[in-house]
Amino acid sequence: MARRRRGRPVDGILVLDKPGGESSNRSLQQVKRLYFAAKAGHTGSLDPLATGVLPLCFGEATKFSQYLLDADKAYRSTFVLGVATATGDAEGEILSEADASAIDEARVRAALESFRGEIEQVPSMYSAIKQDGQPLYKLAREGREVERKARRVTVHSLELTAFRPGERAEVDIELACSKGTYVRSIAEDLGAALGCGAHVSALRRTKAGPFTLADSVSMETLESLKQNDQLAEMDRLLMPADIAVEGMPLVRLTESAGFYIRQGQPVLVPNAPCNGMVRVALESGEFLGVGEILDDGRVAPRRLIVSR
């Protein structure tokens, strides 16, 4: 007999402004507890050091979390030149130190040129990428280092927003990038290019897919609402699940076609796209889920919302 899930049937997406010093999973569990939600998941980890946009999916919205995981991201970060660490951030053991006072803004700007566009990155041993079923960071904490293959990622934009010279010069940057891009790897590679080493001292995610900091809610706000028994107000902070896939073309179905697609059957839709994934909704506007265009032009259901 299946164990009954504990908690409320909450559906939707909450954009959390993740606090620093907390893992993404711990932040998720805190919010899940505040909502007393039966089911929840996050959409890709942020380092404990990092703050900012962390979309959390509840209930039926968890079916679309993969699309947010695959989405582009944007960050603001500060790099410290002259200090290289084991983890590539301020929390790691210092591996080397050098005087960065001879480095000026022009050298930094010139070095950053090579990190725009398609680049290859070797993932840090302290990343969450799995090898033989084990996260790399777990192996690293055991004192093990394994060979990692370089991964191709895309840095859509990378701008130097401030430079503070000195023995421990600081570089402020803003970047937009594809999924799987490691900001600390950019810091480490920049430090290597400048010959002084570097690490990330601050990291804030400003965008994940369609969500920005303007959409986000702090943990303090949620805790205050909970303490004042404002559960309805908390629920109003949840966004609908279809926002996670708003970049897909929209296909509208008649009630009759909607009935069949809910039964798992492909349906023919006039003027549908020729291929790819699509959002599926009724003519009334009700979101049904995500479908895929088959070779014969029909729309096949892939991930559907279950009406409560």
Protein backbone atom coordinates (compact mmCIF):
# COMPACT_ATOMS: atom_id res chain seq x y z
CA MET A 1 0.00 0.00 0.00
CA ALA A 2 1.42 3.40 -1.01
CA ARG A 3 2.30 5.72 1.83
CA ARG A 4 0.05 8.77 1.98
CA ARG A 5 1.93 11.98 1.26
CA ARG A 6 2.00 14.37 4.20
CA GLY A 7 1.05 17.99 3.62
CA ARG A 8 -1.27 20.23 1.61
CA PRO A 9 -1.84 19.80 -2.14
CA VAL A 10 -0.08 23.04 -3.14
CA ASP A 11 0.48 23.77 -6.86
CA GLY A 12 2.55 26.52 -8.49
CA ILE A 13 5.99 28.11 -8.65
CA LEU A 14 7.56 30.29 -5.96
CA VAL A 15 10.64 32.33 -6.87
CA LEU A 16 12.75 32.40 -3.74
CA ASP A 17 15.52 34.93 -3.16
CA LYS A 18 17.80 32.27 -1.72
CA PRO A 19 19.71 33.45 1.34
CA GLY A 20 23.48 33.09 1.52
CA GLY A 21 25.00 30.32 3.60
CA GLU A 22 22.21 27.85 2.84
CA SER A 23 22.16 24.99 0.36
CA SER A 24 19.40 25.00 -2.26
CA ASN A 25 17.94 21.82 -0.80
CA ARG A 26 17.87 23.20 2.74
CA SER A 27 16.15 26.35 1.47
CA LEU A 28 13.63 24.19 -0.40
CA GLN A 29 12.87 22.14 2.71
CA GLN A 30 12.38 25.30 4.78
CA VAL A 31 9.91 26.74 2.27
CA LYS A 32 8.14 23.41 1.88
CA ARG A 33 7.68 23.28 5.65
CA LEU A 34 6.37 26.86 5.77
CA TYR A 35 3.78 26.02 3.12
CA PHE A 36 3.12 22.57 4.63
CA ALA A 37 3.28 21.39 1.01
CA ALA A 38 2.97 17.73 0.08
CA LYS A 39 5.38 17.89 -2.86
CA ALA A 40 8.09 20.34 -3.90
CA GLY A 41 11.37 20.49 -5.78
CA HIS A 42 13.94 23.09 -6.86
CA THR A 43 15.16 23.76 -10.38
CA GLY A 44 18.92 23.42 -10.11
CA SER A 45 21.28 24.09 -7.24
CA LEU A 46 22.79 27.40 -6.23
CA ASP A 47 26.01 27.21 -4.21
CA PRO A 48 25.59 27.94 -0.47
CA LEU A 49 27.67 31.09 -1.03
CA ALA A 50 25.24 32.31 -3.68
CA THR A 51 22.02 34.27 -3.25
CA GLY A 52 19.21 35.16 -5.60
CA VAL A 53 16.69 33.63 -7.95
CA LEU A 54 15.82 30.03 -7.09
CA PRO A 55 12.48 28.88 -8.58
CA LEU A 56 10.75 26.28 -6.40
CA CYS A 57 8.06 24.08 -7.92
CA PHE A 58 5.13 22.73 -5.91
CA GLY A 59 2.74 19.88 -6.70
CA GLU A 60 1.83 19.61 -10.38
CA ALA A 61 4.37 22.31 -11.27
CA THR A 62 7.21 19.88 -10.43
CA LYS A 63 6.42 18.17 -13.74
CA PHE A 64 7.90 21.18 -15.55
CA SER A 65 10.96 21.83 -13.37
CA GLN A 66 13.27 20.30 -15.99
CA TYR A 67 12.46 23.11 -18.41
CA LEU A 68 13.62 25.67 -15.82
CA LEU A 69 16.72 23.60 -15.11
CA ASP A 70 17.57 23.79 -18.83
CA ALA A 71 16.90 27.53 -19.06
CA ASP A 72 19.46 30.31 -19.42
CA LYS A 73 20.65 32.08 -16.25
CA ALA A 74 22.11 35.49 -15.35
CA TYR A 75 24.40 36.47 -12.47
CA ARG A 76 26.22 39.30 -10.74
CA SER A 77 29.51 38.32 -9.16
CA THR A 78 32.67 39.65 -7.54
CA PHE A 79 36.04 38.02 -8.26
CA VAL A 80 39.06 38.53 -5.99
CA LEU A 81 42.34 38.50 -7.89
CA GLY A 82 45.52 37.23 -6.25
CA VAL A 83 44.03 34.32 -4.29
CA ALA A 84 43.20 30.87 -5.71
CA THR A 85 41.17 28.47 -3.58
CA ALA A 86 40.39 24.76 -3.75
CA THR A 87 36.70 25.37 -4.40
CA GLY A 88 36.99 28.46 -6.60
CA ASP A 89 35.07 30.50 -4.02
CA ALA A 90 35.68 32.19 -0.70
CA GLU A 91 34.79 29.08 1.31
CA GLY A 92 37.66 26.95 0.03
CA GLU A 93 41.16 26.37 1.31
CA ILE A 94 43.68 28.87 -0.10
CA LEU A 95 45.93 27.15 -2.63
CA SER A 96 48.09 30.08 -3.76
CA GLU A 97 48.49 33.82 -3.27
CA ALA A 98 50.04 36.49 -5.47
CA ASP A 99 50.26 40.26 -5.58
CA ALA A 100 47.65 41.54 -8.07
CA SER A 101 48.49 45.23 -7.70
CA ALA A 102 50.17 45.37 -11.13
CA ILE A 103 46.95 44.33 -12.88
CA ASP A 104 44.82 47.17 -14.21
CA GLU A 105 41.31 47.41 -15.61
CA ALA A 106 42.48 47.32 -19.22
CA ARG A 107 44.20 43.94 -18.70
CA VAL A 108 41.08 42.54 -17.08
CA ARG A 109 38.84 43.77 -19.90
CA ALA A 110 41.18 42.25 -22.49
CA ALA A 111 41.29 38.91 -20.65
CA LEU A 112 37.49 38.76 -20.36
CA GLU A 113 37.16 38.81 -24.17
CA SER A 114 38.03 35.11 -24.38
CA PHE A 115 35.17 34.12 -22.08
CA ARG A 116 32.35 35.36 -24.32
CA GLY A 117 30.43 33.17 -26.74
CA GLU A 118 30.88 29.40 -26.86
CA ILE A 119 33.59 28.31 -24.45
CA GLU A 120 34.75 25.07 -22.87
CA GLN A 121 34.84 24.62 -19.12
CA VAL A 122 36.28 21.83 -17.01
CA PRO A 123 33.81 21.45 -14.12
CA SER A 124 35.13 22.07 -10.62
CA MET A 125 35.63 19.08 -8.34
CA TYR A 126 33.26 20.93 -6.04
CA SER A 127 30.38 20.95 -8.52
CA ALA A 128 27.22 18.84 -8.24
CA ILE A 129 27.92 16.97 -11.51
CA LYS A 130 27.78 13.23 -10.95
CA GLN A 131 30.43 10.73 -11.94
CA ASP A 132 29.62 7.03 -11.51
CA GLY A 133 26.58 8.09 -9.51
CA GLN A 134 28.52 10.26 -7.05
CA PRO A 135 28.48 14.09 -6.99
CA LEU A 136 31.94 15.47 -7.64
CA TYR A 137 31.83 17.60 -4.48
CA LYS A 138 31.37 14.44 -2.40
CA LEU A 139 34.45 12.86 -3.97
CA ALA A 140 36.37 16.11 -3.42
CA ARG A 141 35.48 16.13 0.28
CA GLU A 142 36.86 12.59 0.50
CA GLY A 143 40.15 13.91 -0.88
CA ARG A 144 39.66 12.31 -4.29
CA GLU A 145 40.14 14.02 -7.62
CA VAL A 146 38.93 12.47 -10.88
CA GLU A 147 39.39 13.44 -14.49
CA ARG A 148 36.57 15.64 -15.80
CA LYS A 149 35.69 16.21 -19.43
CA ALA A 150 35.45 19.78 -20.66
CA ARG A 151 31.87 20.88 -21.31
CA ARG A 152 30.80 23.37 -23.96
CA VAL A 153 28.69 26.24 -22.62
CA THR A 154 27.63 29.62 -23.98
CA VAL A 155 28.25 32.97 -22.33
CA HIS A 156 25.75 35.27 -24.04
CA SER A 157 27.11 38.42 -22.39
CA LEU A 158 29.88 39.22 -19.91
CA GLU A 159 30.38 42.78 -18.73
CA LEU A 160 32.90 44.30 -16.33
CA THR A 161 30.88 46.65 -14.11
CA ALA A 162 33.59 47.73 -11.63
CA PHE A 163 37.30 47.27 -10.96
CA ARG A 164 39.01 48.01 -7.65
CA PRO A 165 42.81 47.80 -7.95
CA GLY A 166 45.16 46.60 -5.24
CA GLU A 167 47.12 43.63 -3.95
CA ARG A 168 43.78 41.81 -3.80
CA ALA A 169 42.11 43.53 -6.74
CA GLU A 170 38.37 43.02 -7.10
CA VAL A 171 36.40 42.60 -10.30
CA ASP A 172 32.60 43.01 -10.49
CA ILE A 173 30.93 41.33 -13.46
CA GLU A 174 27.48 40.68 -14.86
CA LEU A 175 26.87 37.75 -17.19
CA ALA A 176 24.11 35.87 -18.96
CA CYS A 177 24.81 32.26 -19.86
CA SER A 178 23.48 28.86 -20.81
CA LYS A 179 22.68 26.16 -18.28
CA GLY A 180 25.66 24.37 -16.78
CA THR A 181 27.94 27.43 -16.83
CA TYR A 182 30.06 27.70 -13.68
CA VAL A 183 30.83 31.29 -12.68
CA ARG A 184 33.61 30.16 -10.35
CA SER A 185 35.26 28.37 -13.28
CA ILE A 186 35.27 31.68 -15.15
CA ALA A 187 36.87 33.31 -12.09
CA GLU A 188 39.51 30.58 -11.86
CA ASP A 189 40.26 30.70 -15.59
CA LEU A 190 40.44 34.50 -15.52
CA GLY A 191 42.91 34.30 -12.63
CA ALA A 192 45.00 31.81 -14.59
CA ALA A 193 44.96 34.04 -17.68
CA LEU A 194 46.15 37.00 -15.59
CA GLY A 195 48.77 34.87 -13.86
CA CYS A 196 47.65 35.66 -10.33
CA GLY A 197 44.82 33.27 -9.45
CA ALA A 198 41.27 34.30 -8.57
CA HIS A 199 38.14 33.16 -6.80
CA VAL A 200 34.49 34.17 -6.38
CA SER A 201 33.78 36.17 -3.22
CA ALA A 202 30.13 37.01 -3.98
CA LEU A 203 27.58 35.53 -6.36
CA ARG A 204 23.97 36.56 -6.94
CA ARG A 205 21.69 34.96 -9.52
CA THR A 206 19.56 37.67 -11.08
CA LYS A 207 17.59 35.56 -13.57
CA ALA A 208 16.60 31.96 -14.22
CA GLY A 209 14.53 31.35 -17.34
CA PRO A 210 11.61 33.85 -17.26
CA PHE A 211 12.11 34.72 -13.57
CA THR A 212 14.05 37.70 -12.23
CA LEU A 213 14.82 39.18 -8.82
CA ALA A 214 11.71 41.36 -9.21
CA ASP A 215 9.65 38.14 -9.02
CA SER A 216 11.43 36.81 -5.96
CA VAL A 217 10.35 36.57 -2.32
CA SER A 218 12.69 36.52 0.67
CA MET A 219 12.70 33.82 3.32
CA GLU A 220 12.03 36.52 5.92
CA THR A 221 8.81 37.54 4.11
CA LEU A 222 7.57 33.95 4.03
CA GLU A 223 8.40 33.40 7.70
CA SER A 224 6.59 36.61 8.67
CA LEU A 225 3.48 35.61 6.71
CA LYS A 226 3.53 32.17 8.29
CA GLN A 227 3.90 33.58 11.81
CA ASN A 228 0.86 35.77 11.19
CA ASP A 229 -1.19 32.85 9.79
CA GLN A 230 -1.45 34.53 6.38
CA LEU A 231 -1.51 31.29 4.40
CA ALA A 232 -3.82 32.69 1.74
CA GLU A 233 -1.36 35.54 1.16
CA MET A 234 1.47 33.00 0.86
CA ASP A 235 -0.52 31.04 -1.71
CA ARG A 236 -1.05 34.22 -3.74
CA LEU A 237 2.73 34.46 -4.15
CA LEU A 238 2.69 31.25 -6.21
CA MET A 239 2.87 31.63 -9.99
CA PRO A 240 1.07 29.27 -12.40
CA ALA A 241 2.98 26.25 -13.70
CA ASP A 242 2.71 27.27 -17.36
CA ILE A 243 5.14 30.17 -16.83
CA ALA A 244 7.90 27.53 -16.70
CA VAL A 245 7.27 26.72 -20.38
CA GLU A 246 6.10 30.10 -21.69
CA GLY A 247 8.88 30.05 -24.28
CA MET A 248 7.20 27.14 -26.11
CA PRO A 249 4.65 27.75 -28.89
CA LEU A 250 1.05 27.61 -27.63
CA VAL A 251 -1.44 25.14 -29.08
CA ARG A 252 -5.12 25.59 -28.17
CA LEU A 253 -7.48 22.62 -28.17
CA THR A 254 -11.22 22.26 -28.30
CA GLU A 255 -12.88 20.62 -25.29
CA SER A 256 -13.24 17.44 -27.37
CA ALA A 257 -9.54 17.32 -28.30
CA GLY A 258 -8.65 18.16 -24.71
CA PHE A 259 -10.62 15.13 -23.52
CA TYR A 260 -8.64 12.79 -25.77
CA ILE A 261 -5.23 14.27 -24.97
CA ARG A 262 -6.01 13.87 -21.26
CA GLN A 263 -6.55 10.17 -22.00
CA GLY A 264 -3.01 10.04 -23.39
CA GLN A 265 -4.05 10.05 -27.05
CA PRO A 266 -2.41 12.24 -29.74
CA VAL A 267 -4.78 14.70 -31.43
CA LEU A 268 -4.74 16.62 -34.69
CA VAL A 269 -4.69 20.40 -34.24
CA PRO A 270 -5.11 22.81 -37.18
CA ASN A 271 -2.25 25.27 -37.70
CA ALA A 272 -0.02 23.62 -35.09
CA PRO A 273 3.79 23.95 -35.44
CA CYS A 274 5.50 21.37 -37.65
CA ASN A 275 7.75 19.94 -34.93
CA GLY A 276 9.08 20.34 -31.41
CA MET A 277 7.56 20.79 -27.97
CA VAL A 278 4.44 22.90 -27.42
CA ARG A 279 2.35 24.27 -24.58
CA VAL A 280 -1.11 22.77 -24.63
CA ALA A 281 -4.19 24.64 -23.40
CA LEU A 282 -7.93 24.55 -23.93
CA GLU A 283 -9.64 27.31 -25.89
CA SER A 284 -10.96 28.48 -22.52
CA GLY A 285 -7.35 29.18 -21.49
CA GLU A 286 -6.93 26.27 -19.07
CA PHE A 287 -3.34 24.98 -19.19
CA LEU A 288 -3.16 21.22 -19.79
CA GLY A 289 0.58 20.65 -20.00
CA VAL A 290 3.27 20.04 -22.58
CA GLY A 291 3.00 18.08 -25.82
CA GLU A 292 5.21 17.13 -28.75
CA ILE A 293 4.47 17.35 -32.46
CA LEU A 294 4.69 13.89 -34.03
CA ASP A 295 5.93 13.16 -37.55
CA ASP A 296 2.31 12.95 -38.78
CA GLY A 297 1.52 16.42 -37.37
CA ARG A 298 -0.52 15.29 -34.39
CA VAL A 299 0.12 16.63 -30.88
CA ALA A 300 1.08 13.91 -28.40
CA PRO A 301 0.86 14.52 -24.63
CA ARG A 302 4.17 14.46 -22.75
CA ARG A 303 3.61 16.09 -19.33
CA LEU A 304 0.05 16.87 -18.29
CA ILE A 305 -1.48 18.66 -15.33
CA VAL A 306 -3.77 16.50 -13.22
CA SER A 307 -6.83 18.50 -12.21
CA ARG A 308 -7.64 18.30 -8.51
